[in-house]
């Protein structure tokens, strides 16, 4: 699966092997458990992030993976978003400090 990541003017393509979508379930469940405790999203603490907010949080982690050259992290985060937001083909990550402005992209 091709997952598009837009960061400002830069566009990245994250290749997510189809097998990873099934194999990463425990990792994704661990991410959900971490977010179940609430999450600091930019200036606001969100006690119970909804599905979109969770994907915005994960998109921030995806960006970190890309910036650090960590392909495995980028693939895991992209697969989380793809599975939680059916039909998603990518994300447009806000870099102005407002995580809630990150958008999920659809075809």
Protein backbone atom coordinates (compact mmCIF):
# COMPACT_ATOMS: atom_id res chain seq x y z
CA UNK A 1 0.00 0.00 0.00
CA UNK A 2 1.22 3.49 -0.85
CA UNK A 3 0.61 6.00 1.95
CA UNK A 4 1.12 9.68 1.14
CA UNK A 5 2.49 12.03 3.78
CA UNK A 6 2.42 15.77 3.14
CA UNK A 7 4.60 17.95 5.36
CA UNK A 8 4.44 21.56 4.20
CA UNK A 9 5.69 21.58 0.61
CA UNK A 10 7.32 18.15 0.95
CA UNK A 11 5.52 14.95 -0.07
CA UNK A 12 6.68 11.54 1.14
CA UNK A 13 5.55 8.11 0.05
CA UNK A 14 5.54 5.44 2.74
CA UNK A 15 5.34 1.92 1.41
CA UNK A 16 3.36 -0.30 3.79
CA UNK A 17 3.57 -4.03 3.02
CA UNK A 18 0.11 -5.61 3.00
CA UNK A 19 1.31 -8.26 5.46
CA UNK A 20 2.17 -5.54 7.99
CA UNK A 21 -1.47 -4.50 8.20
CA UNK A 22 -2.28 -7.79 9.90
CA UNK A 23 1.01 -8.39 11.70
CA UNK A 24 1.05 -5.07 13.54
CA UNK A 25 -2.22 -5.57 15.43
CA UNK A 26 -0.56 -5.95 18.85
CA UNK A 27 1.58 -2.87 18.27
CA UNK A 28 -1.52 -0.89 17.24
CA UNK A 29 -3.40 -2.15 20.31
CA UNK A 30 -0.52 -0.93 22.49
CA UNK A 31 -0.74 2.51 20.88
CA UNK A 32 -4.47 2.56 21.64
CA UNK A 33 -3.86 1.58 25.27
CA UNK A 34 -1.33 4.41 25.62
CA UNK A 35 -3.81 6.92 24.16
CA UNK A 36 -6.63 5.58 26.37
CA UNK A 37 -4.95 7.49 29.23
CA UNK A 38 -5.36 10.79 27.40
CA UNK A 39 -2.87 12.75 25.33
CA UNK A 40 -1.39 16.22 25.14
CA UNK A 41 -2.35 17.47 21.68
CA UNK A 42 -0.43 20.70 21.17
CA UNK A 43 -1.80 23.07 23.82
CA UNK A 44 -4.81 20.98 24.85
CA UNK A 45 -4.93 17.78 26.89
CA UNK A 46 -7.51 15.40 25.42
CA UNK A 47 -8.72 12.95 28.06
CA UNK A 48 -10.40 10.57 25.61
CA UNK A 49 -9.05 10.98 22.07
CA UNK A 50 -11.55 9.93 19.42
CA UNK A 51 -10.58 7.98 16.31
CA UNK A 52 -9.57 11.05 14.30
CA UNK A 53 -7.59 12.52 17.19
CA UNK A 54 -5.78 9.20 17.65
CA UNK A 55 -4.81 9.27 13.98
CA UNK A 56 -3.59 12.86 14.36
CA UNK A 57 -1.45 11.77 17.31
CA UNK A 58 -0.09 8.84 15.32
CA UNK A 59 0.57 11.13 12.33
CA UNK A 60 2.82 13.18 14.59
CA UNK A 61 4.73 9.99 15.45
CA UNK A 62 4.85 9.15 11.73
CA UNK A 63 6.44 12.55 11.08
CA UNK A 64 9.04 11.88 13.77
CA UNK A 65 9.84 8.53 12.16
CA UNK A 66 10.27 10.16 8.75
CA UNK A 67 12.46 12.97 10.07
CA UNK A 68 14.68 10.47 11.91
CA UNK A 69 14.90 8.18 8.89
CA UNK A 70 13.16 5.40 10.81
CA UNK A 71 11.31 3.58 8.04
CA UNK A 72 9.91 0.91 10.37
CA UNK A 73 8.23 3.50 12.60
CA UNK A 74 6.84 5.34 9.59
CA UNK A 75 5.36 2.11 8.19
CA UNK A 76 3.82 1.11 11.54
CA UNK A 77 2.24 4.53 12.03
CA UNK A 78 0.96 4.68 8.45
CA UNK A 79 -0.57 1.23 8.84
CA UNK A 80 -2.33 2.32 12.06
CA UNK A 81 -3.94 5.27 10.27
CA UNK A 82 -4.90 3.19 7.23
CA UNK A 83 -6.59 0.59 9.42
CA UNK A 84 -8.37 3.02 11.74
CA UNK A 85 -9.58 5.31 8.95
CA UNK A 86 -10.77 3.01 6.15
CA UNK A 87 -10.19 4.53 2.74
CA UNK A 88 -7.42 6.84 3.94
CA UNK A 89 -4.60 7.23 1.43
CA UNK A 90 -2.43 9.59 3.46
CA UNK A 91 -2.15 12.52 5.82
CA UNK A 92 -1.38 16.22 5.56
CA UNK A 93 0.55 16.90 8.76
CA UNK A 94 0.28 20.33 10.35
CA UNK A 95 3.71 21.69 11.25
CA UNK A 96 2.52 24.99 12.73
CA UNK A 97 2.07 23.55 16.22
CA UNK A 98 -1.58 22.50 16.09
CA UNK A 99 -1.78 18.72 15.93
CA UNK A 100 -5.57 18.95 15.58
CA UNK A 101 -5.11 20.59 12.15
CA UNK A 102 -3.52 17.46 10.69
CA UNK A 103 -5.85 16.09 8.01
CA UNK A 104 -6.49 12.54 6.89
CA UNK A 105 -6.55 12.29 3.09
CA UNK A 106 -8.97 10.19 1.07
CA UNK A 107 -9.05 9.31 -2.64
